[in-house]
Amino acid sequence: MKTSIKYLLAIAFIGISFISNAQEGRNLQYFRPAGQDGLNIFEAPKEDTVEFTGTKVRIGGDFAIQFQGIDQDNANTVDTLVQLGDNFNLPTANLDLDVQLYDGLRMHLRTYLSARHHEESWVKGGYLQMDKLDFIKPGFLEGLMEVATIRIGMDEFNYGDAHFRRTDNARAIYNPFVGNYIMDAFSTEVFGEVTIQKSGFIGVIGLTNGKLNQSTVVNDNTDNKASFFGKLGYDNNMSDDFRLRLTGSWYINKGETNGTYLYGGDRGGSRYYNIMTTIDGDGSDFEGRFNPRFREITAIQINPFIKYKGVEFFGIYEVASNSDDQGNGSFTQVAGELIYRFGGQEQLYVGGRYNAVSGEMVDGAPTMEINRLNIGGGWFLTKNIVTKFEYVSQKYDGDGWNGLKYQDGEFNGVMIEAAISF
């Protein structure tokens, strides 16, 4: 019954998408547009281009469905992987509420109506964004707020640039491929952050409580500590055809009982279904990704982004490490994504992505390696509808996987995805 309801919700979202243009006149302040117009936008724009004329409510959403044709295998005779078929995956759907509460004051709330990992609808998170403080007093700290943005809530926080290009359950329109990165830096935690944007320079400072599940009781036997994160960078159009962005981000948590969710906070599940699952049922909704679950974690992510006419490159160099007390383990992630967009409105694109993770759970332990290659392309039928095709190949190497189902494991095949965002 629940599955049937999910399919009905998915069909309803297709219908709703056709009337989404009626809301385009309801522009919100300092807002990343849904659809193609939101591509390659990272932090919310700081330009004050929308006049406040009263409270506005924007109802939006996302829908995504995939056809999966993937094969998998491993050389471990103890844990044989299941044989996958070719078929459609469960559609996913989001519901967004964005409310302009006051001049420079906006609220965002996202609900996962249909997700792979959760059968029931549930709130992913939300935040309050302040670009002006006129609700305190007209012109209050006006000089500062011309360059500053304050966000407070229970939602994804601004560590790294990859989370701006990833698929968030059904919001797949910003992602040129189907899957997210192997070490998927994304978590929803109670947070507060301040972003400064001026003349192309970007600075972010913030903290979270380091907890994914806010219902966990804090008592005297826990060692919960706040997570501190930040970002420094530069983003500017060097000419009409050339844009350059380079940022560096950090995330630090020294608690022994929290802070392990930086690469495991997406409760929507992996975009590749039932991969690396054995015939004995050993598997999860998050297979294909990797979370070292380091305690007392320190992570650094560097992201270059270059766009010249229709060609764009996005990269990741990331290191996540543990403390000496926790074994001094460390993993390094590298990724490079090259996209060529063409057509009268750059509605067509082709490209490739290479993503690799390698490291050790503790210092001196056998090395664990994961490599993934994506090759594909897409077509924006309209600014709010995209179809994608990709070939994906992922392999597990290194002695660190010996004796596990991942030993000499691999999967490869094709994915077709259709996504709507409005």
Protein backbone atom coordinates (compact mmCIF):
# COMPACT_ATOMS: atom_id res chain seq x y z
CA MET A 1 0.00 0.00 0.00
CA LYS A 2 2.82 2.41 0.89
CA THR A 3 4.54 1.67 -2.41
CA SER A 4 1.31 2.42 -4.30
CA ILE A 5 0.97 5.73 -2.49
CA LYS A 6 4.52 6.63 -3.49
CA TYR A 7 3.78 5.98 -7.15
CA LEU A 8 0.63 8.12 -6.94
CA LEU A 9 2.66 10.93 -5.37
CA ALA A 10 5.22 10.64 -8.15
CA ILE A 11 2.50 10.88 -10.83
CA ALA A 12 0.99 13.87 -9.03
CA PHE A 13 4.33 15.66 -9.13
CA ILE A 14 4.53 15.21 -12.89
CA GLY A 15 1.16 16.96 -13.17
CA ILE A 16 2.15 19.72 -10.77
CA SER A 17 5.29 20.44 -12.81
CA PHE A 18 3.20 21.60 -15.75
CA ILE A 19 1.70 24.44 -13.72
CA SER A 20 4.98 25.43 -12.10
CA ASN A 21 5.46 28.31 -14.53
CA ALA A 22 2.60 30.10 -12.78
CA GLN A 23 4.90 30.64 -9.80
CA GLU A 24 7.80 32.17 -11.72
CA GLY A 25 6.46 35.63 -11.01
CA ARG A 26 6.71 34.95 -7.29
CA ASN A 27 10.42 35.62 -7.11
CA LEU A 28 12.05 35.30 -3.72
CA GLN A 29 14.97 37.29 -2.45
CA TYR A 30 18.50 35.83 -2.41
CA PHE A 31 17.23 32.53 -3.82
CA ARG A 32 18.81 29.84 -5.99
CA PRO A 33 16.38 29.12 -8.83
CA ALA A 34 15.06 25.61 -9.30
CA GLY A 35 15.86 24.02 -12.64
CA GLN A 36 18.45 24.87 -15.26
CA ASP A 37 18.70 28.50 -14.15
CA GLY A 38 20.16 27.24 -10.85
CA LEU A 39 23.06 25.36 -12.43
CA ASN A 40 26.53 26.34 -11.20
CA ILE A 41 25.13 28.55 -8.44
CA PHE A 42 26.79 27.74 -5.14
CA GLU A 43 26.06 30.04 -2.20
CA ALA A 44 22.76 31.92 -2.50
CA PRO A 45 23.29 35.09 -4.56
CA LYS A 46 23.77 38.28 -2.59
CA GLU A 47 22.44 40.71 -5.18
CA ASP A 48 19.41 42.66 -3.93
CA THR A 49 17.38 42.46 -7.14
CA VAL A 50 13.92 41.52 -5.84
CA GLU A 51 11.72 44.10 -4.14
CA PHE A 52 9.88 42.97 -1.01
CA THR A 53 6.15 43.52 -1.47
CA GLY A 54 4.83 41.33 1.33
CA THR A 55 4.86 37.75 2.50
CA LYS A 56 5.17 35.25 -0.36
CA VAL A 57 4.86 31.46 -0.24
CA ARG A 58 6.52 29.41 -2.94
CA ILE A 59 5.49 25.75 -3.24
CA GLY A 60 8.02 23.74 -5.19
CA GLY A 61 9.21 20.20 -5.49
CA ASP A 62 11.32 17.59 -7.20
CA PHE A 63 10.64 14.27 -8.85
CA ALA A 64 13.10 11.69 -10.19
CA ILE A 65 12.79 8.22 -11.67
CA GLN A 66 15.51 5.91 -13.01
CA PHE A 67 15.91 2.89 -15.23
CA GLN A 68 18.79 0.78 -13.95
CA GLY A 69 20.73 -1.81 -15.94
CA ILE A 70 23.71 -2.73 -13.76
CA ASP A 71 25.68 -5.97 -13.37
CA GLN A 72 27.96 -6.79 -10.44
CA ASP A 73 30.46 -9.41 -9.40
CA ASN A 74 33.21 -10.22 -6.90
CA ALA A 75 35.87 -12.88 -6.47
CA ASN A 76 34.87 -13.72 -2.91
CA THR A 77 33.25 -17.19 -2.96
CA VAL A 78 31.92 -16.79 0.61
CA ASP A 79 29.69 -13.78 -0.02
CA THR A 80 28.35 -14.01 -3.56
CA LEU A 81 26.59 -10.87 -4.77
CA VAL A 82 23.01 -11.01 -5.95
CA GLN A 83 22.29 -10.92 -9.66
CA LEU A 84 20.64 -7.63 -10.57
CA GLY A 85 17.88 -7.25 -13.13
CA ASP A 86 17.12 -4.41 -15.52
CA ASN A 87 14.12 -2.35 -14.43
CA PHE A 88 12.82 0.93 -13.03
CA ASN A 89 13.77 1.98 -9.52
CA LEU A 90 11.37 3.42 -6.96
CA PRO A 91 10.58 7.05 -7.91
CA THR A 92 11.58 9.70 -5.38
CA ALA A 93 9.83 13.00 -4.62
CA ASN A 94 10.47 16.14 -2.55
CA LEU A 95 8.13 18.90 -1.41
CA ASP A 96 9.63 22.37 -0.83
CA LEU A 97 8.15 25.32 1.00
CA ASP A 98 10.02 28.63 0.66
CA VAL A 99 8.50 31.62 2.40
CA GLN A 100 9.56 35.26 2.13
CA LEU A 101 8.65 36.31 5.68
CA TYR A 102 10.02 39.85 5.63
CA ASP A 103 12.41 42.02 3.65
CA GLY A 104 15.64 39.98 3.61
CA LEU A 105 14.18 37.21 5.78
CA ARG A 106 13.35 33.84 4.20
CA MET A 107 12.47 30.34 5.40
CA HIS A 108 13.14 27.02 3.60
CA LEU A 109 11.63 23.61 4.42
CA ARG A 110 12.11 20.36 2.48
CA THR A 111 10.11 17.15 2.98
CA TYR A 112 11.00 13.83 1.41
CA LEU A 113 7.65 12.48 0.21
CA SER A 114 9.20 9.37 -1.31
CA ALA A 115 12.73 8.15 -0.60
CA ARG A 116 14.58 4.92 -1.04
CA HIS A 117 15.64 4.60 2.59
CA HIS A 118 12.43 5.73 4.34
CA GLU A 119 8.99 4.32 3.61
CA GLU A 120 7.18 7.22 5.25
CA SER A 121 7.27 10.91 4.34
CA TRP A 122 9.50 12.89 6.66
CA VAL A 123 11.05 16.33 6.99
CA LYS A 124 14.60 16.43 5.67
CA GLY A 125 15.29 19.82 7.25
CA GLY A 126 14.95 23.55 7.00
CA TYR A 127 16.54 26.86 7.88
CA LEU A 128 15.96 30.58 8.35
CA GLN A 129 18.05 32.80 6.08
CA MET A 130 18.72 36.44 6.98
CA ASP A 131 20.15 38.82 4.37
CA LYS A 132 18.83 41.92 6.11
CA LEU A 133 18.11 42.71 9.76
CA ASP A 134 15.39 45.28 9.12
CA PHE A 135 12.99 43.20 11.23
CA ILE A 136 15.01 44.42 14.23
CA LYS A 137 15.10 48.04 13.07
CA PRO A 138 15.10 49.54 9.55
CA GLY A 139 18.71 49.81 8.39
CA PHE A 140 20.07 47.80 11.35
CA LEU A 141 23.70 46.84 10.53
CA GLU A 142 22.96 47.72 6.92
CA GLY A 143 26.61 48.01 5.94
CA LEU A 144 27.44 44.54 7.24
CA MET A 145 24.36 42.88 5.80
CA GLU A 146 25.17 44.16 2.32
CA VAL A 147 27.83 41.42 2.22
CA ALA A 148 26.69 38.99 4.96
CA THR A 149 24.16 36.14 5.02
CA ILE A 150 23.13 34.36 8.22
CA ARG A 151 21.57 30.87 8.13
CA ILE A 152 20.26 29.01 11.19
CA GLY A 153 18.39 25.72 11.20
CA MET A 154 18.44 21.95 11.02
CA ASP A 155 19.63 21.24 7.49
CA GLU A 156 22.70 20.72 5.30
CA PHE A 157 25.53 23.07 6.18
CA ASN A 158 28.05 24.67 3.84
CA TYR A 159 31.09 22.39 3.93
CA GLY A 160 32.71 22.02 0.51
CA ASP A 161 31.24 22.82 -2.88
CA ALA A 162 30.24 19.29 -3.95
CA HIS A 163 26.95 19.42 -2.01
CA PHE A 164 25.72 22.18 -4.33
CA ARG A 165 26.00 19.80 -7.34
CA ARG A 166 24.77 16.57 -5.74
CA THR A 167 21.39 14.86 -5.91
CA ASP A 168 19.32 15.51 -2.77
CA ASN A 169 16.85 12.61 -2.84
CA ALA A 170 14.68 13.72 -5.79
CA ARG A 171 16.42 17.03 -6.52
CA ALA A 172 18.60 15.61 -9.27
CA ILE A 173 18.47 18.50 -11.74
CA TYR A 174 21.75 20.12 -10.64
CA ASN A 175 23.70 16.83 -10.89
CA PRO A 176 24.96 16.10 -14.43
CA PHE A 177 25.17 12.40 -13.52
CA VAL A 178 23.01 9.98 -11.54
CA GLY A 179 25.24 9.08 -8.60
CA ASN A 180 26.81 11.36 -6.02
CA TYR A 181 30.46 11.23 -5.02
CA ILE A 182 31.88 8.17 -3.21
CA MET A 183 32.70 10.11 -0.02
CA ASP A 184 29.48 12.13 -0.09
CA ALA A 185 30.00 15.11 2.22
CA PHE A 186 26.42 15.84 3.24
CA SER A 187 24.76 15.82 6.64
CA THR A 188 21.70 17.45 8.21
CA GLU A 189 22.55 18.81 11.65
CA VAL A 190 21.53 21.71 13.86
CA PHE A 191 23.76 24.51 12.60
CA GLY A 192 24.41 28.22 12.39
CA GLU A 193 26.65 29.89 9.83
CA VAL A 194 27.65 33.31 8.54
CA THR A 195 28.66 33.81 4.90
CA ILE A 196 30.48 36.88 3.58
CA GLN A 197 30.49 37.63 -0.16
CA LYS A 198 32.23 40.71 -1.52
CA SER A 199 33.93 41.41 -4.86
CA GLY A 200 34.20 37.69 -5.58
CA PHE A 201 35.70 36.75 -2.23
CA ILE A 202 33.83 34.22 -0.08
CA GLY A 203 34.14 33.44 3.60
CA VAL A 204 32.04 31.05 5.71
CA ILE A 205 32.24 30.29 9.42
CA GLY A 206 29.84 28.12 11.36
CA LEU A 207 29.20 25.31 13.78
CA THR A 208 26.86 22.33 14.19
CA ASN A 209 26.06 20.08 17.12
CA GLY A 210 27.58 17.14 15.21
CA LYS A 211 24.41 15.02 15.53
CA LEU A 212 22.31 13.56 12.76
CA ASN A 213 19.60 12.17 15.06
CA GLN A 214 18.39 14.97 17.31
CA SER A 215 16.29 12.60 19.43
CA THR A 216 19.42 11.04 20.93
CA VAL A 217 19.50 11.85 24.64
CA VAL A 218 22.52 13.80 25.83
CA ASN A 219 23.66 12.52 29.22
CA ASP A 220 26.76 12.48 31.40
CA ASN A 221 28.12 9.35 29.66
CA THR A 222 28.43 11.00 26.23
CA ASP A 223 31.28 13.02 24.80
CA ASN A 224 29.33 15.14 22.33
CA LYS A 225 31.17 18.20 21.03
CA ALA A 226 30.35 20.89 18.51
CA SER A 227 31.59 20.63 14.93
CA PHE A 228 33.33 23.69 13.51
CA PHE A 229 33.39 24.32 9.77
CA GLY A 230 34.32 27.07 7.37
CA LYS A 231 35.23 28.04 3.85
CA LEU A 232 37.47 30.55 2.09
CA GLY A 233 37.43 31.16 -1.63
CA TYR A 234 37.13 33.32 -4.69
CA ASP A 235 34.46 33.23 -7.41
CA ASN A 236 34.31 35.73 -10.23
CA ASN A 237 33.72 36.18 -13.94
CA MET A 238 37.14 37.05 -15.35
CA SER A 239 35.49 37.88 -18.70
CA ASP A 240 32.17 37.36 -20.46
CA ASP A 241 33.22 33.81 -21.36
CA PHE A 242 35.43 32.78 -18.44
CA ARG A 243 34.49 32.12 -14.81
CA LEU A 244 36.92 31.01 -12.10
CA ARG A 245 36.06 29.68 -8.64
CA LEU A 246 38.42 28.16 -6.08
CA THR A 247 37.46 27.33 -2.49
CA GLY A 248 38.88 25.48 0.48
CA SER A 249 36.67 24.13 3.30
CA TRP A 250 37.26 22.47 6.64
CA TYR A 251 35.24 20.49 9.18
CA ILE A 252 36.47 19.56 12.68
CA ASN A 253 34.83 17.56 15.46
CA LYS A 254 36.71 16.20 18.47
CA GLY A 255 33.82 14.40 20.18
CA GLU A 256 33.99 10.63 20.63
CA THR A 257 30.22 10.04 20.44
CA ASN A 258 29.19 12.37 17.60
CA GLY A 259 30.62 13.94 14.47
CA THR A 260 30.72 10.67 12.47
CA TYR A 261 28.02 11.66 9.98
CA LEU A 262 29.85 13.98 7.59
CA TYR A 263 29.90 11.25 4.91
CA GLY A 264 26.83 9.37 6.13
CA GLY A 265 24.16 11.98 6.70
CA ASP A 266 22.08 11.47 3.55
CA ARG A 267 19.17 9.34 4.70
CA GLY A 268 17.66 9.25 1.22
CA GLY A 269 19.93 6.38 0.20
CA SER A 270 22.31 5.64 -2.67
CA ARG A 271 21.27 6.40 -6.25
CA TYR A 272 22.37 2.93 -7.36
CA TYR A 273 19.91 0.34 -6.04
CA ASN A 274 20.81 -3.02 -4.44
CA ILE A 275 24.44 -2.94 -5.50
CA MET A 276 27.01 -4.85 -3.40
CA THR A 277 24.23 -6.83 -1.71
CA THR A 278 24.83 -10.53 -1.12
CA ILE A 279 22.45 -13.43 -1.60
CA ASP A 280 22.40 -13.69 2.20
CA GLY A 281 21.00 -10.18 2.46
CA ASP A 282 24.20 -8.42 3.53
CA GLY A 283 23.71 -4.93 2.16
CA SER A 284 22.22 -1.52 2.86
CA ASP A 285 20.50 1.35 1.10
CA PHE A 286 23.80 3.25 1.14
CA GLU A 287 26.05 0.84 -0.77
CA GLY A 288 28.37 2.32 -3.36
CA ARG A 289 29.35 5.20 -1.10
CA PHE A 290 31.99 5.14 1.61
CA ASN A 291 31.88 6.59 5.11
CA PRO A 292 35.00 6.01 7.25
CA ARG A 293 32.97 6.97 10.35
CA PHE A 294 36.00 8.54 11.95
CA ARG A 295 35.60 9.84 15.47
CA GLU A 296 37.44 13.08 16.26
CA ILE A 297 37.42 13.80 12.53
CA THR A 298 39.23 16.54 10.65
CA ALA A 299 38.28 17.00 6.99
CA ILE A 300 39.55 19.43 4.35
CA GLN A 301 38.02 19.81 0.86
CA ILE A 302 39.45 21.91 -1.99
CA ASN A 303 37.23 22.63 -5.01
CA PRO A 304 38.26 24.27 -8.29
CA PHE A 305 35.53 25.25 -10.75
CA ILE A 306 36.26 26.66 -14.20
CA LYS A 307 33.76 27.52 -16.93
CA TYR A 308 34.86 28.73 -20.35
CA LYS A 309 31.96 29.19 -22.74
CA GLY A 310 30.25 25.77 -22.80
CA VAL A 311 33.08 23.84 -21.12
CA GLU A 312 33.14 23.45 -17.34
CA PHE A 313 35.41 21.61 -14.93
CA PHE A 314 34.67 20.82 -11.29
CA GLY A 315 37.16 19.09 -9.03
CA ILE A 316 37.59 17.70 -5.53
CA TYR A 317 40.69 17.11 -3.47
CA GLU A 318 39.69 16.00 0.02
CA VAL A 319 41.42 14.49 3.04
CA ALA A 320 39.54 13.11 6.06
CA SER A 321 41.59 11.93 9.03
CA ASN A 322 41.19 10.66 12.57
CA SER A 323 43.06 11.69 15.70
CA ASP A 324 46.12 9.90 17.09
CA ASP A 325 44.00 8.56 19.96
CA GLN A 326 41.57 7.01 17.46
CA GLY A 327 44.22 5.32 15.31
CA ASN A 328 45.35 8.13 12.98
CA GLY A 329 43.47 6.71 9.99
CA SER A 330 43.15 8.78 6.85
CA PHE A 331 41.35 8.71 3.49
CA THR A 332 41.93 10.86 0.42
CA GLN A 333 39.30 11.56 -2.23
CA VAL A 334 40.02 13.00 -5.67
CA ALA A 335 37.47 13.73 -8.38
CA GLY A 336 37.41 15.48 -11.71
CA GLU A 337 34.28 16.32 -13.70
CA LEU A 338 34.45 17.68 -17.26
CA ILE A 339 31.20 18.80 -18.90
CA TYR A 340 30.51 20.33 -22.31
CA ARG A 341 27.17 22.14 -22.63
CA PHE A 342 25.88 23.09 -26.05
CA GLY A 343 22.75 24.06 -27.97
CA GLY A 344 21.05 27.43 -28.23
CA GLN A 345 20.48 27.57 -24.44
CA GLU A 346 23.12 24.99 -23.46
CA GLN A 347 20.24 22.56 -23.02
CA LEU A 348 22.38 19.59 -24.14
CA TYR A 349 25.52 18.28 -22.46
CA VAL A 350 28.02 15.43 -22.50
CA GLY A 351 30.76 14.69 -20.03
CA GLY A 352 32.67 12.40 -17.75
CA ARG A 353 33.58 12.11 -14.10
CA TYR A 354 36.38 10.19 -12.39
CA ASN A 355 36.22 9.66 -8.63
CA ALA A 356 38.68 7.75 -6.43
CA VAL A 357 39.02 7.16 -2.68
CA SER A 358 41.96 5.48 -0.97
CA GLY A 359 43.27 5.22 2.57
CA GLU A 360 43.54 3.28 5.81
CA MET A 361 41.13 2.88 8.71
CA VAL A 362 44.07 3.08 11.15
CA ASP A 363 47.68 3.97 10.56
CA GLY A 364 49.56 1.01 9.07
CA ALA A 365 46.42 -0.97 8.18
CA PRO A 366 45.98 -2.43 4.66
CA THR A 367 44.93 0.09 2.04
CA MET A 368 41.34 0.32 0.82
CA GLU A 369 40.63 1.76 -2.63
CA ILE A 370 37.46 2.57 -4.56
CA ASN A 371 37.43 3.88 -8.13
CA ARG A 372 34.43 5.05 -10.15
CA LEU A 373 34.03 6.27 -13.72
CA ASN A 374 30.90 7.97 -15.07
CA ILE A 375 30.41 8.81 -18.75
CA GLY A 376 27.17 10.26 -20.02
CA GLY A 377 25.09 13.20 -21.07
CA GLY A 378 21.73 14.86 -20.77
CA TRP A 379 19.03 17.02 -22.33
CA PHE A 380 17.04 19.79 -20.64
CA LEU A 381 13.67 19.37 -22.34
CA THR A 382 12.64 22.57 -20.56
CA LYS A 383 14.40 24.54 -17.84
CA ASN A 384 12.61 22.36 -15.27
CA ILE A 385 12.90 18.90 -16.87
CA VAL A 386 16.09 16.96 -17.61
CA THR A 387 16.79 13.47 -18.90
CA LYS A 388 20.18 11.82 -18.35
CA PHE A 389 22.04 8.77 -19.60
CA GLU A 390 25.22 7.45 -18.04
CA TYR A 391 27.54 4.48 -18.00
CA VAL A 392 28.98 3.80 -14.53
CA SER A 393 31.81 1.50 -13.50
CA GLN A 394 33.02 1.11 -9.91
CA LYS A 395 35.75 -1.17 -8.53
CA TYR A 396 37.06 -2.04 -5.08
CA ASP A 397 40.81 -2.69 -4.78
CA GLY A 398 43.42 -3.04 -2.05
CA ASP A 399 44.18 -5.57 0.69
CA GLY A 400 41.94 -3.71 3.13
CA TRP A 401 38.90 -5.41 1.56
CA ASN A 402 40.30 -8.96 1.93
CA GLY A 403 37.77 -11.34 3.45
CA LEU A 404 34.90 -8.94 2.86
CA LYS A 405 32.24 -8.96 0.16
CA TYR A 406 34.00 -5.98 -1.44
CA GLN A 407 37.16 -7.98 -2.19
CA ASP A 408 37.70 -7.62 -5.96
CA GLY A 409 34.13 -6.34 -6.15
CA GLU A 410 32.82 -4.29 -9.02
CA PHE A 411 29.62 -3.14 -10.66
CA ASN A 412 29.00 -1.51 -14.03
CA GLY A 413 26.18 -0.74 -16.39
CA VAL A 414 23.84 1.98 -17.60
CA MET A 415 21.49 4.34 -15.82
CA ILE A 416 18.74 6.49 -17.37
CA GLU A 417 17.17 9.18 -15.19
CA ALA A 418 14.41 11.72 -15.69
CA ALA A 419 14.15 14.56 -13.17
CA ILE A 420 11.81 17.50 -12.63
CA SER A 421 12.42 20.47 -10.33
CA PHE A 422 10.20 23.54 -9.97
